[in-house]
Amino acid sequence: MGDMAVTILLAVPYTLALTALAFSLGAALGIPICALRLTKIPLLKPLVGAFILIVRSIPPLVWLFLIYFGLGSGVIQLNAFAAACIGLGLITAVNMAEIYRGSLAAIHHGQWEASTALGMPRWNQLSEIIAPQLARISLPAAATYAIGLLKDSAVASAIGVPELAYAAYHISQQTFRGLDVYAVVALIYIAMSLPIAWVSRTVDKKMRARVAR
């Protein structure tokens, strides 16, 4: 029992690191993808829209196989963890781009007009007026997606990343105590998800209180 607990606990950092890195990569890449999605260039806009649709239509497991067994086995050398970060980061990027796009649509166009009337440069409009509102509006959806990504990180076990699902599978195969093992892993996933939800609600309340002033 002690060895089982140690193996599971050693897998937790892999799950957390994979989730954090994939989400950070996706949140950053989602910004330029969103900008391209909203561009007025006739040909570019539908191409980016098609790219987002394609990425979202392919299951995460298939993306990991394509990157690890395809790209990672020939063009460049990738270990399983790096391939999982890239695959989940790519999926996160297109989903975060859509979250940003929806949040921008929720900001009243009068905000742009008022800041333009005040003579504010475009960069100042974005950084001082639009960005704070965008962060507040997109936070709940982004936090919900982060929790989903934490659970989806389990697919990385299919390419050999030693995260929670990988550890649980091998322990259950060795001990034939699948119910006990997966029950413990389920509780760990819940324990990791709760802080994300709590931080999201806390930050959201503080942002709303600041805007209310």
N, C-alpha and C. Protein backbone atom coordinates (compact mmCIF):
# COMPACT_ATOMS: atom_id res chain seq x y z
N MET A 1 0.83 -1.21 0.00
CA MET A 1 0.00 0.00 0.00
C MET A 1 0.86 1.26 0.00
N GLY A 2 1.98 1.19 0.77
CA GLY A 2 2.86 2.34 0.84
C GLY A 2 3.51 2.64 -0.49
N ASP A 3 3.97 1.59 -1.18
CA ASP A 3 4.59 1.78 -2.50
C ASP A 3 3.59 2.35 -3.50
N MET A 4 2.35 1.90 -3.41
CA MET A 4 1.31 2.39 -4.31
C MET A 4 1.11 3.89 -4.10
N ALA A 5 1.05 4.31 -2.85
CA ALA A 5 0.83 5.73 -2.55
C ALA A 5 2.00 6.58 -3.05
N VAL A 6 3.22 6.07 -2.87
CA VAL A 6 4.40 6.82 -3.32
C VAL A 6 4.39 6.97 -4.83
N THR A 7 4.06 5.89 -5.54
CA THR A 7 4.03 5.94 -7.01
C THR A 7 2.99 6.94 -7.50
N ILE A 8 1.84 6.94 -6.87
CA ILE A 8 0.78 7.87 -7.28
C ILE A 8 1.19 9.31 -7.00
N LEU A 9 1.77 9.54 -5.82
CA LEU A 9 2.18 10.91 -5.46
C LEU A 9 3.30 11.42 -6.36
N LEU A 10 4.18 10.51 -6.80
CA LEU A 10 5.25 10.92 -7.71
C LEU A 10 4.71 11.29 -9.08
N ALA A 11 3.51 10.81 -9.41
CA ALA A 11 2.90 11.13 -10.70
C ALA A 11 2.20 12.49 -10.69
N VAL A 12 1.87 12.97 -9.49
CA VAL A 12 1.14 14.24 -9.39
C VAL A 12 1.90 15.41 -10.01
N PRO A 13 3.20 15.58 -9.74
CA PRO A 13 3.92 16.70 -10.37
C PRO A 13 3.87 16.67 -11.90
N TYR A 14 3.90 15.48 -12.49
CA TYR A 14 3.81 15.39 -13.95
C TYR A 14 2.46 15.90 -14.44
N THR A 15 1.39 15.53 -13.74
CA THR A 15 0.06 15.99 -14.12
C THR A 15 -0.05 17.50 -13.99
N LEU A 16 0.42 18.04 -12.88
CA LEU A 16 0.34 19.49 -12.66
C LEU A 16 1.23 20.26 -13.64
N ALA A 17 2.44 19.76 -13.87
CA ALA A 17 3.35 20.44 -14.79
C ALA A 17 2.81 20.41 -16.22
N LEU A 18 2.28 19.26 -16.63
CA LEU A 18 1.72 19.14 -17.97
C LEU A 18 0.55 20.10 -18.15
N THR A 19 -0.33 20.15 -17.16
CA THR A 19 -1.48 21.05 -17.23
C THR A 19 -1.05 22.51 -17.27
N ALA A 20 -0.13 22.89 -16.38
CA ALA A 20 0.32 24.28 -16.30
C ALA A 20 1.03 24.72 -17.58
N LEU A 21 1.91 23.87 -18.10
CA LEU A 21 2.66 24.24 -19.30
C LEU A 21 1.76 24.31 -20.53
N ALA A 22 0.87 23.32 -20.66
CA ALA A 22 -0.04 23.32 -21.82
C ALA A 22 -0.98 24.52 -21.76
N PHE A 23 -1.47 24.85 -20.57
CA PHE A 23 -2.39 25.99 -20.44
C PHE A 23 -1.65 27.30 -20.70
N SER A 24 -0.45 27.44 -20.17
CA SER A 24 0.33 28.67 -20.38
C SER A 24 0.64 28.86 -21.86
N LEU A 25 1.06 27.78 -22.52
CA LEU A 25 1.34 27.84 -23.95
C LEU A 25 0.10 28.21 -24.74
N GLY A 26 -1.01 27.56 -24.40
CA GLY A 26 -2.26 27.83 -25.12
C GLY A 26 -2.79 29.22 -24.87
N ALA A 27 -2.70 29.70 -23.62
CA ALA A 27 -3.19 31.05 -23.30
C ALA A 27 -2.40 32.11 -24.05
N ALA A 28 -1.08 31.88 -24.21
CA ALA A 28 -0.25 32.84 -24.94
C ALA A 28 -0.51 32.79 -26.44
N LEU A 29 -0.54 31.58 -27.00
CA LEU A 29 -0.77 31.44 -28.44
C LEU A 29 -2.19 31.82 -28.84
N GLY A 30 -3.11 31.73 -27.89
CA GLY A 30 -4.50 32.07 -28.19
C GLY A 30 -4.68 33.54 -28.54
N ILE A 31 -3.79 34.40 -28.04
CA ILE A 31 -3.92 35.84 -28.31
C ILE A 31 -3.69 36.16 -29.79
N PRO A 32 -2.56 35.74 -30.39
CA PRO A 32 -2.41 36.02 -31.83
C PRO A 32 -3.42 35.28 -32.70
N ILE A 33 -3.82 34.07 -32.28
CA ILE A 33 -4.83 33.34 -33.06
C ILE A 33 -6.16 34.10 -33.04
N CYS A 34 -6.51 34.65 -31.86
CA CYS A 34 -7.73 35.45 -31.76
C CYS A 34 -7.63 36.69 -32.63
N ALA A 35 -6.45 37.34 -32.61
CA ALA A 35 -6.26 38.55 -33.42
C ALA A 35 -6.41 38.23 -34.90
N LEU A 36 -5.85 37.10 -35.34
CA LEU A 36 -5.99 36.70 -36.73
C LEU A 36 -7.42 36.31 -37.07
N ARG A 37 -8.10 35.75 -36.07
CA ARG A 37 -9.52 35.37 -36.27
C ARG A 37 -10.39 36.59 -36.49
N LEU A 38 -9.98 37.72 -35.92
CA LEU A 38 -10.77 38.95 -36.02
C LEU A 38 -10.24 39.90 -37.09
N THR A 39 -9.20 39.48 -37.80
CA THR A 39 -8.61 40.35 -38.81
C THR A 39 -9.60 40.66 -39.94
N LYS A 40 -9.38 41.78 -40.59
CA LYS A 40 -10.24 42.17 -41.70
C LYS A 40 -9.66 41.75 -43.05
N ILE A 41 -8.53 41.05 -43.01
CA ILE A 41 -7.94 40.54 -44.26
C ILE A 41 -8.84 39.43 -44.81
N PRO A 42 -9.37 39.56 -45.97
CA PRO A 42 -10.39 38.63 -46.49
C PRO A 42 -10.00 37.16 -46.47
N LEU A 43 -8.82 36.82 -46.95
CA LEU A 43 -8.43 35.42 -47.07
C LEU A 43 -7.98 34.82 -45.74
N LEU A 44 -7.34 35.63 -44.91
CA LEU A 44 -6.75 35.12 -43.67
C LEU A 44 -7.80 34.71 -42.65
N LYS A 45 -8.86 35.48 -42.55
CA LYS A 45 -9.89 35.20 -41.54
C LYS A 45 -10.52 33.82 -41.71
N PRO A 46 -10.98 33.44 -42.91
CA PRO A 46 -11.56 32.09 -43.06
C PRO A 46 -10.53 30.98 -42.88
N LEU A 47 -9.26 31.24 -43.22
CA LEU A 47 -8.22 30.23 -43.03
C LEU A 47 -8.00 29.95 -41.55
N VAL A 48 -7.97 31.00 -40.74
CA VAL A 48 -7.80 30.83 -39.30
C VAL A 48 -9.03 30.15 -38.71
N GLY A 49 -10.21 30.52 -39.20
CA GLY A 49 -11.43 29.87 -38.73
C GLY A 49 -11.43 28.38 -39.05
N ALA A 50 -10.93 28.02 -40.24
CA ALA A 50 -10.84 26.61 -40.63
C ALA A 50 -9.82 25.88 -39.77
N PHE A 51 -8.71 26.56 -39.47
CA PHE A 51 -7.68 25.96 -38.61
C PHE A 51 -8.25 25.65 -37.23
N ILE A 52 -8.97 26.59 -36.66
CA ILE A 52 -9.58 26.38 -35.34
C ILE A 52 -10.56 25.21 -35.38
N LEU A 53 -11.37 25.16 -36.43
CA LEU A 53 -12.35 24.08 -36.56
C LEU A 53 -11.67 22.72 -36.67
N ILE A 54 -10.59 22.64 -37.44
CA ILE A 54 -9.89 21.38 -37.62
C ILE A 54 -9.27 20.91 -36.31
N VAL A 55 -8.60 21.83 -35.62
CA VAL A 55 -7.95 21.46 -34.35
C VAL A 55 -8.97 20.98 -33.33
N ARG A 56 -10.10 21.66 -33.25
CA ARG A 56 -11.12 21.30 -32.27
C ARG A 56 -11.88 20.03 -32.66
N SER A 57 -11.84 19.66 -33.94
CA SER A 57 -12.60 18.49 -34.40
C SER A 57 -11.85 17.18 -34.19
N ILE A 58 -10.54 17.26 -34.03
CA ILE A 58 -9.73 16.05 -33.85
C ILE A 58 -9.55 15.78 -32.36
N PRO A 59 -9.83 14.56 -31.89
CA PRO A 59 -9.69 14.24 -30.46
C PRO A 59 -8.27 14.48 -29.95
N PRO A 60 -8.13 14.89 -28.69
CA PRO A 60 -6.79 15.14 -28.13
C PRO A 60 -5.85 13.93 -28.26
N LEU A 61 -6.38 12.73 -28.06
CA LEU A 61 -5.54 11.54 -28.15
C LEU A 61 -4.92 11.40 -29.54
N VAL A 62 -5.71 11.70 -30.57
CA VAL A 62 -5.21 11.60 -31.94
C VAL A 62 -4.11 12.64 -32.17
N TRP A 63 -4.29 13.84 -31.64
CA TRP A 63 -3.26 14.87 -31.78
C TRP A 63 -1.95 14.43 -31.13
N LEU A 64 -2.06 13.82 -29.95
CA LEU A 64 -0.85 13.37 -29.26
C LEU A 64 -0.14 12.28 -30.06
N PHE A 65 -0.92 11.38 -30.66
CA PHE A 65 -0.31 10.33 -31.49
C PHE A 65 0.36 10.94 -32.72
N LEU A 66 -0.32 11.91 -33.35
CA LEU A 66 0.24 12.55 -34.55
C LEU A 66 1.56 13.25 -34.24
N ILE A 67 1.60 13.94 -33.11
CA ILE A 67 2.80 14.70 -32.77
C ILE A 67 3.92 13.79 -32.28
N TYR A 68 3.58 12.83 -31.42
CA TYR A 68 4.62 11.98 -30.82
C TYR A 68 5.15 10.94 -31.80
N PHE A 69 4.24 10.23 -32.46
CA PHE A 69 4.66 9.17 -33.37
C PHE A 69 4.95 9.67 -34.78
N GLY A 70 4.46 10.88 -35.09
CA GLY A 70 4.72 11.44 -36.41
C GLY A 70 5.84 12.44 -36.37
N LEU A 71 5.53 13.64 -35.88
CA LEU A 71 6.53 14.71 -35.82
C LEU A 71 7.71 14.33 -34.95
N GLY A 72 7.43 13.79 -33.78
CA GLY A 72 8.49 13.50 -32.81
C GLY A 72 9.37 12.33 -33.17
N SER A 73 8.97 11.50 -34.11
CA SER A 73 9.77 10.33 -34.46
C SER A 73 10.61 10.55 -35.72
N GLY A 74 10.43 11.67 -36.39
CA GLY A 74 11.16 11.87 -37.63
C GLY A 74 11.74 13.26 -37.78
N VAL A 75 10.87 14.27 -37.85
CA VAL A 75 11.31 15.63 -38.15
C VAL A 75 12.19 16.17 -37.03
N ILE A 76 11.69 16.12 -35.82
CA ILE A 76 12.46 16.55 -34.64
C ILE A 76 12.28 15.51 -33.54
N GLN A 77 13.21 15.48 -32.62
CA GLN A 77 13.14 14.53 -31.53
C GLN A 77 12.36 15.12 -30.36
N LEU A 78 11.30 14.44 -29.98
CA LEU A 78 10.46 14.88 -28.88
C LEU A 78 10.25 13.72 -27.91
N ASN A 79 10.41 14.00 -26.62
CA ASN A 79 10.03 12.97 -25.66
C ASN A 79 8.53 13.03 -25.44
N ALA A 80 7.99 12.08 -24.71
CA ALA A 80 6.55 11.98 -24.53
C ALA A 80 5.98 13.21 -23.83
N PHE A 81 6.68 13.72 -22.84
CA PHE A 81 6.17 14.87 -22.09
C PHE A 81 6.10 16.11 -22.98
N ALA A 82 7.15 16.35 -23.77
CA ALA A 82 7.17 17.51 -24.67
C ALA A 82 6.07 17.39 -25.72
N ALA A 83 5.89 16.19 -26.27
CA ALA A 83 4.84 15.99 -27.27
C ALA A 83 3.46 16.24 -26.67
N ALA A 84 3.26 15.82 -25.44
CA ALA A 84 1.96 16.04 -24.78
C ALA A 84 1.73 17.53 -24.53
N CYS A 85 2.78 18.24 -24.11
CA CYS A 85 2.66 19.69 -23.89
C CYS A 85 2.29 20.41 -25.18
N ILE A 86 2.95 20.03 -26.27
CA ILE A 86 2.67 20.68 -27.56
C ILE A 86 1.25 20.36 -28.02
N GLY A 87 0.87 19.10 -27.94
CA GLY A 87 -0.46 18.70 -28.40
C GLY A 87 -1.57 19.36 -27.60
N LEU A 88 -1.49 19.26 -26.28
CA LEU A 88 -2.52 19.87 -25.43
C LEU A 88 -2.44 21.39 -25.49
N GLY A 89 -1.23 21.93 -25.67
CA GLY A 89 -1.08 23.38 -25.80
C GLY A 89 -1.73 23.90 -27.07
N LEU A 90 -1.61 23.14 -28.16
CA LEU A 90 -2.25 23.53 -29.41
C LEU A 90 -3.77 23.55 -29.28
N ILE A 91 -4.29 22.50 -28.67
CA ILE A 91 -5.75 22.43 -28.46
C ILE A 91 -6.20 23.57 -27.55
N THR A 92 -5.43 23.83 -26.51
CA THR A 92 -5.76 24.93 -25.60
C THR A 92 -5.73 26.26 -26.32
N ALA A 93 -4.78 26.45 -27.22
CA ALA A 93 -4.63 27.72 -27.92
C ALA A 93 -5.88 28.09 -28.70
N VAL A 94 -6.42 27.12 -29.46
CA VAL A 94 -7.60 27.44 -30.27
C VAL A 94 -8.83 27.64 -29.39
N ASN A 95 -8.91 26.91 -28.30
CA ASN A 95 -10.05 27.11 -27.40
C ASN A 95 -9.95 28.42 -26.65
N MET A 96 -8.75 28.80 -26.23
CA MET A 96 -8.58 30.09 -25.57
C MET A 96 -8.81 31.23 -26.55
N ALA A 97 -8.44 31.04 -27.81
CA ALA A 97 -8.71 32.07 -28.82
C ALA A 97 -10.20 32.33 -28.94
N GLU A 98 -11.00 31.27 -28.89
CA GLU A 98 -12.45 31.44 -28.95
C GLU A 98 -13.00 32.07 -27.68
N ILE A 99 -12.39 31.75 -26.55
CA ILE A 99 -12.80 32.39 -25.28
C ILE A 99 -12.49 33.89 -25.34
N TYR A 100 -11.30 34.23 -25.83
CA TYR A 100 -10.95 35.65 -25.97
C TYR A 100 -11.90 36.36 -26.94
N ARG A 101 -12.20 35.69 -28.04
CA ARG A 101 -13.07 36.30 -29.05
C ARG A 101 -14.46 36.57 -28.47
N GLY A 102 -15.00 35.61 -27.74
CA GLY A 102 -16.30 35.81 -27.11
C GLY A 102 -16.27 36.90 -26.06
N SER A 103 -15.17 36.98 -25.32
CA SER A 103 -15.04 38.01 -24.29
C SER A 103 -14.93 39.39 -24.91
N LEU A 104 -14.20 39.50 -26.01
CA LEU A 104 -14.10 40.79 -26.70
C LEU A 104 -15.45 41.24 -27.23
N ALA A 105 -16.24 40.29 -27.71
CA ALA A 105 -17.57 40.62 -28.22
C ALA A 105 -18.47 41.14 -27.11
N ALA A 106 -18.19 40.72 -25.86
CA ALA A 106 -19.01 41.15 -24.73
C ALA A 106 -18.67 42.56 -24.26
N ILE A 107 -17.53 43.09 -24.70
CA ILE A 107 -17.15 44.46 -24.33
C ILE A 107 -17.85 45.44 -25.27
N HIS A 108 -18.58 46.38 -24.71
CA HIS A 108 -19.37 47.31 -25.52
C HIS A 108 -18.46 48.14 -26.41
N HIS A 109 -18.89 48.31 -27.67
CA HIS A 109 -18.07 49.07 -28.62
C HIS A 109 -17.88 50.52 -28.19
N GLY A 110 -18.74 50.99 -27.29
CA GLY A 110 -18.59 52.35 -26.78
C GLY A 110 -17.29 52.56 -26.03
N GLN A 111 -16.72 51.47 -25.49
CA GLN A 111 -15.44 51.58 -24.79
C GLN A 111 -14.34 52.02 -25.76
N TRP A 112 -14.36 51.44 -26.96
CA TRP A 112 -13.40 51.84 -27.98
C TRP A 112 -13.65 53.29 -28.42
N GLU A 113 -14.92 53.62 -28.62
CA GLU A 113 -15.25 54.95 -29.10
C GLU A 113 -14.88 56.03 -28.09
N ALA A 114 -15.15 55.75 -26.82
CA ALA A 114 -14.84 56.73 -25.78
C ALA A 114 -13.33 56.96 -25.67
N SER A 115 -12.56 55.85 -25.67
CA SER A 115 -11.11 55.99 -25.55
C SER A 115 -10.51 56.66 -26.79
N THR A 116 -11.09 56.42 -27.95
CA THR A 116 -10.63 57.08 -29.17
C THR A 116 -10.94 58.58 -29.12
N ALA A 117 -12.12 58.93 -28.60
CA ALA A 117 -12.51 60.33 -28.48
C ALA A 117 -11.59 61.09 -27.52
N LEU A 118 -11.04 60.35 -26.53
CA LEU A 118 -10.11 60.97 -25.59
C LEU A 118 -8.70 61.11 -26.17
N GLY A 119 -8.52 60.59 -27.36
CA GLY A 119 -7.22 60.70 -28.01
C GLY A 119 -6.20 59.70 -27.54
N MET A 120 -6.64 58.60 -26.95
CA MET A 120 -5.70 57.59 -26.46
C MET A 120 -5.10 56.80 -27.63
N PRO A 121 -3.80 56.57 -27.62
CA PRO A 121 -3.19 55.72 -28.64
C PRO A 121 -3.78 54.31 -28.59
N ARG A 122 -3.69 53.60 -29.70
CA ARG A 122 -4.30 52.28 -29.79
C ARG A 122 -3.77 51.33 -28.72
N TRP A 123 -2.44 51.38 -28.49
CA TRP A 123 -1.86 50.48 -27.50
C TRP A 123 -2.39 50.77 -26.11
N ASN A 124 -2.55 52.04 -25.77
CA ASN A 124 -3.09 52.40 -24.46
C ASN A 124 -4.55 51.98 -24.32
N GLN A 125 -5.29 52.07 -25.41
CA GLN A 125 -6.68 51.60 -25.38
C GLN A 125 -6.72 50.11 -25.02
N LEU A 126 -5.84 49.36 -25.66
CA LEU A 126 -5.82 47.91 -25.42
C LEU A 126 -5.35 47.57 -24.01
N SER A 127 -4.25 48.20 -23.58
CA SER A 127 -3.64 47.83 -22.30
C SER A 127 -4.39 48.37 -21.09
N GLU A 128 -4.98 49.56 -21.21
CA GLU A 128 -5.59 50.20 -20.05
C GLU A 128 -7.11 50.09 -20.00
N ILE A 129 -7.75 49.92 -21.14
CA ILE A 129 -9.21 49.89 -21.18
C ILE A 129 -9.74 48.49 -21.49
N ILE A 130 -9.25 47.93 -22.58
CA ILE A 130 -9.82 46.67 -23.07
C ILE A 130 -9.27 45.45 -22.33
N ALA A 131 -7.95 45.39 -22.15
CA ALA A 131 -7.33 44.21 -21.54
C ALA A 131 -7.87 43.89 -20.14
N PRO A 132 -8.01 44.88 -19.23
CA PRO A 132 -8.55 44.55 -17.91
C PRO A 132 -9.97 43.97 -17.98
N GLN A 133 -10.79 44.51 -18.86
CA GLN A 133 -12.15 43.99 -19.01
C GLN A 133 -12.14 42.60 -19.64
N LEU A 134 -11.24 42.41 -20.60
CA LEU A 134 -11.12 41.11 -21.25
C LEU A 134 -10.71 40.05 -20.24
N ALA A 135 -9.77 40.39 -19.36
CA ALA A 135 -9.31 39.43 -18.35
C ALA A 135 -10.44 39.05 -17.41
N ARG A 136 -11.22 40.05 -17.00
CA ARG A 136 -12.32 39.77 -16.06
C ARG A 136 -13.40 38.92 -16.71
N ILE A 137 -13.76 39.22 -17.94
CA ILE A 137 -14.84 38.50 -18.61
C ILE A 137 -14.42 37.07 -18.97
N SER A 138 -13.16 36.91 -19.39
CA SER A 138 -12.72 35.58 -19.83
C SER A 138 -12.28 34.67 -18.69
N LEU A 139 -12.08 35.22 -17.50
CA LEU A 139 -11.56 34.43 -16.39
C LEU A 139 -12.41 33.20 -16.06
N PRO A 140 -13.74 33.33 -15.86
CA PRO A 140 -14.52 32.14 -15.51
C PRO A 140 -14.43 31.03 -16.56
N ALA A 141 -14.53 31.39 -17.83
CA ALA A 141 -14.44 30.38 -18.89
C ALA A 141 -13.05 29.77 -18.96
N ALA A 142 -12.02 30.61 -18.76
CA ALA A 142 -10.64 30.11 -18.79
C ALA A 142 -10.38 29.15 -17.63
N ALA A 143 -10.90 29.48 -16.45
CA ALA A 143 -10.72 28.61 -15.29
C ALA A 143 -11.44 27.28 -15.49
N THR A 144 -12.63 27.34 -16.06
CA THR A 144 -13.37 26.11 -16.35
C THR A 144 -12.60 25.25 -17.33
N TYR A 145 -12.01 25.89 -18.34
CA TYR A 145 -11.23 25.14 -19.31
C TYR A 145 -9.98 24.55 -18.65
N ALA A 146 -9.35 25.28 -17.74
CA ALA A 146 -8.15 24.79 -17.06
C ALA A 146 -8.46 23.53 -16.26
N ILE A 147 -9.62 23.51 -15.60
CA ILE A 147 -10.02 22.32 -14.86
C ILE A 147 -10.25 21.15 -15.81
N GLY A 148 -10.88 21.43 -16.95
CA GLY A 148 -11.08 20.38 -17.95
C GLY A 148 -9.76 19.88 -18.50
N LEU A 149 -8.80 20.79 -18.68
CA LEU A 149 -7.48 20.40 -19.19
C LEU A 149 -6.75 19.52 -18.18
N LEU A 150 -6.93 19.81 -16.90
CA LEU A 150 -6.33 18.98 -15.86
C LEU A 150 -6.81 17.54 -15.99
N LYS A 151 -8.08 17.37 -16.25
CA LYS A 151 -8.63 16.01 -16.43
C LYS A 151 -8.20 15.41 -17.76
N ASP A 152 -8.19 16.24 -18.80
CA ASP A 152 -7.81 15.74 -20.13
C ASP A 152 -6.34 15.35 -20.21
N SER A 153 -5.53 15.83 -19.26
CA SER A 153 -4.11 15.47 -19.27
C SER A 153 -3.91 13.97 -19.12
N ALA A 154 -4.95 13.27 -18.71
CA ALA A 154 -4.86 11.82 -18.56
C ALA A 154 -4.59 11.13 -19.89
N VAL A 155 -4.95 11.76 -21.01
CA VAL A 155 -4.72 11.13 -22.31
C VAL A 155 -3.23 11.00 -22.61
N ALA A 156 -2.41 11.79 -21.91
CA ALA A 156 -0.96 11.72 -22.13
C ALA A 156 -0.39 10.37 -21.70
N SER A 157 -1.14 9.64 -20.89
CA SER A 157 -0.68 8.31 -20.48
C SER A 157 -0.56 7.38 -21.68
N ALA A 158 -1.31 7.65 -22.74
CA ALA A 158 -1.31 6.79 -23.93
C ALA A 158 0.03 6.83 -24.67
N ILE A 159 0.81 7.90 -24.48
CA ILE A 159 2.12 7.97 -25.14
C ILE A 159 3.26 7.83 -24.12
N GLY A 160 2.90 7.43 -22.90
CA GLY A 160 3.93 7.11 -21.92
C GLY A 160 4.32 8.18 -20.95
N VAL A 161 3.56 9.26 -20.85
CA VAL A 161 3.87 10.28 -19.83
C VAL A 161 3.46 9.72 -18.47
N PRO A 162 4.37 9.68 -17.51
CA PRO A 162 4.07 9.04 -16.22
C PRO A 162 3.24 9.90 -15.28
N GLU A 163 2.08 10.34 -15.77
CA GLU A 163 1.19 11.16 -14.92
C GLU A 163 0.24 10.23 -14.17
N LEU A 164 -0.81 10.80 -13.59
CA LEU A 164 -1.67 10.05 -12.69
C LEU A 164 -2.33 8.84 -13.35
N ALA A 165 -2.93 9.04 -14.51
CA ALA A 165 -3.62 7.94 -15.17
C ALA A 165 -2.65 6.83 -15.54
N TYR A 166 -1.45 7.20 -15.96
CA TYR A 166 -0.42 6.21 -16.30
C TYR A 166 -0.05 5.40 -15.07
N ALA A 167 0.19 6.09 -13.96
CA ALA A 167 0.56 5.41 -12.71
C ALA A 167 -0.57 4.51 -12.23
N ALA A 168 -1.80 5.01 -12.31
CA ALA A 168 -2.95 4.23 -11.84
C ALA A 168 -3.11 2.95 -12.65
N TYR A 169 -2.94 3.04 -13.95
CA TYR A 169 -3.09 1.87 -14.81
C TYR A 169 -2.07 0.79 -14.46
N HIS A 170 -0.82 1.20 -14.33
CA HIS A 170 0.23 0.21 -14.06
C HIS A 170 0.13 -0.38 -12.66
N ILE A 171 -0.26 0.44 -11.70
CA ILE A 171 -0.44 -0.08 -10.34
C ILE A 171 -1.60 -1.08 -10.30
N SER A 172 -2.69 -0.74 -10.96
CA SER A 172 -3.85 -1.64 -10.98
C SER A 172 -3.53 -2.96 -11.67
N GLN A 173 -2.68 -2.90 -12.70
CA GLN A 173 -2.28 -4.13 -13.39
C GLN A 173 -1.39 -5.00 -12.51
N GLN A 174 -0.60 -4.38 -11.66
CA GLN A 174 0.32 -5.13 -10.80
C GLN A 174 -0.35 -5.66 -9.54
N THR A 175 -1.30 -4.90 -9.01
CA THR A 175 -1.90 -5.27 -7.72
C THR A 175 -3.29 -5.86 -7.84
N PHE A 176 -3.91 -5.73 -9.03
CA PHE A 176 -5.29 -6.19 -9.24
C PHE A 176 -6.27 -5.52 -8.25
N ARG A 177 -5.96 -4.28 -7.89
CA ARG A 177 -6.82 -3.50 -6.99
C ARG A 177 -7.25 -2.23 -7.71
N GLY A 178 -7.84 -2.44 -8.87
CA GLY A 178 -8.22 -1.31 -9.71
C GLY A 178 -9.16 -0.33 -9.04
N LEU A 179 -10.15 -0.83 -8.33
CA LEU A 179 -11.13 0.05 -7.69
C LEU A 179 -10.46 0.97 -6.67
N ASP A 180 -9.62 0.40 -5.83
CA ASP A 180 -8.93 1.20 -4.81
C ASP A 180 -8.04 2.26 -5.46
N VAL A 181 -7.28 1.82 -6.46
CA VAL A 181 -6.33 2.72 -7.10
C VAL A 181 -7.03 3.89 -7.78
N TYR A 182 -8.04 3.58 -8.57
CA TYR A 182 -8.71 4.66 -9.31
C TYR A 182 -9.56 5.54 -8.40
N ALA A 183 -10.02 4.99 -7.28
CA ALA A 183 -10.75 5.81 -6.31
C ALA A 183 -9.82 6.86 -5.71
N VAL A 184 -8.60 6.43 -5.38
CA VAL A 184 -7.61 7.37 -4.83
C VAL A 184 -7.26 8.43 -5.86
N VAL A 185 -7.05 8.01 -7.12
CA VAL A 185 -6.70 8.95 -8.18
C VAL A 185 -7.84 9.94 -8.42
N ALA A 186 -9.08 9.47 -8.36
CA ALA A 186 -10.22 10.37 -8.53
C ALA A 186 -10.24 11.44 -7.44
N LEU A 187 -9.94 11.05 -6.22
CA LEU A 187 -9.90 12.01 -5.12
C LEU A 187 -8.78 13.03 -5.32
N ILE A 188 -7.65 12.57 -5.87
CA ILE A 188 -6.54 13.49 -6.12
C ILE A 188 -6.91 14.50 -7.20
N TYR A 189 -7.59 14.05 -8.24
CA TYR A 189 -8.05 14.98 -9.29
C TYR A 189 -8.98 16.04 -8.70
N ILE A 190 -9.88 15.60 -7.82
CA ILE A 190 -10.80 16.55 -7.17
C ILE A 190 -10.01 17.54 -6.32
N ALA A 191 -9.04 17.03 -5.57
CA ALA A 191 -8.23 17.89 -4.70
C ALA A 191 -7.44 18.91 -5.51
N MET A 192 -7.01 18.54 -6.71
CA MET A 192 -6.26 19.49 -7.55
C MET A 192 -7.18 20.48 -8.25
N SER A 193 -8.42 20.08 -8.52
CA SER A 193 -9.35 20.96 -9.22
C SER A 193 -9.93 22.04 -8.31
N LEU A 194 -10.15 21.71 -7.05
CA LEU A 194 -10.79 22.66 -6.13
C LEU A 194 -10.01 23.96 -5.97
N PRO A 195 -8.68 23.93 -5.81
CA PRO A 195 -7.95 25.21 -5.69
C PRO A 195 -8.09 26.09 -6.92
N ILE A 196 -8.12 25.48 -8.12
CA ILE A 196 -8.29 26.28 -9.34
C ILE A 196 -9.62 27.00 -9.31
N ALA A 197 -10.68 26.28 -8.94
CA ALA A 197 -12.01 26.87 -8.87
C ALA A 197 -12.06 27.97 -7.81
N TRP A 198 -11.42 27.73 -6.66
CA TRP A 198 -11.44 28.71 -5.57
C TRP A 198 -10.69 29.99 -5.97
N VAL A 199 -9.51 29.83 -6.56
CA VAL A 199 -8.72 31.00 -6.99
C VAL A 199 -9.50 31.78 -8.04
N SER A 200 -10.13 31.07 -8.97
CA SER A 200 -10.90 31.74 -10.02
C SER A 200 -12.03 32.57 -9.44
N ARG A 201 -12.78 31.99 -8.51
CA ARG A 201 -13.89 32.74 -7.90
C ARG A 201 -13.39 33.93 -7.10
N THR A 202 -12.30 33.74 -6.38
CA THR A 202 -11.76 34.82 -5.55
C THR A 202 -11.28 35.99 -6.41
N VAL A 203 -10.52 35.67 -7.44
CA VAL A 203 -10.01 36.72 -8.33
C VAL A 203 -11.17 37.41 -9.06
N ASP A 204 -12.15 36.62 -9.49
CA ASP A 204 -13.30 37.19 -10.19
C ASP A 204 -14.07 38.16 -9.30
N LYS A 205 -14.25 37.81 -8.03
CA LYS A 205 -14.95 38.70 -7.09
C LYS A 205 -14.18 40.00 -6.89
N LYS A 206 -12.86 39.88 -6.79
CA LYS A 206 -12.04 41.09 -6.58
C LYS A 206 -12.08 41.99 -7.81
N MET A 207 -12.05 41.38 -9.00
CA MET A 207 -12.11 42.16 -10.24
C MET A 207 -13.46 42.85 -10.37
N ARG A 208 -14.52 42.13 -10.04
CA ARG A 208 -15.86 42.74 -10.13
C ARG A 208 -16.04 43.86 -9.13
N ALA A 209 -15.47 43.67 -7.93
CA ALA A 209 -15.55 44.71 -6.90
C ALA A 209 -14.79 45.96 -7.33
N ARG A 210 -13.66 45.77 -8.00
CA ARG A 210 -12.85 46.90 -8.46
C ARG A 210 -13.58 47.67 -9.56
N VAL A 211 -14.24 46.93 -10.45
CA VAL A 211 -14.99 47.58 -11.52
C VAL A 211 -16.20 48.31 -10.97
N ALA A 212 -16.82 47.74 -9.93
CA ALA A 212 -18.00 48.35 -9.34
C ALA A 212 -17.71 49.71 -8.71
N ARG A 213 -16.46 49.91 -8.29
CA ARG A 213 -16.09 51.20 -7.71
C ARG A 213 -16.08 52.31 -8.75
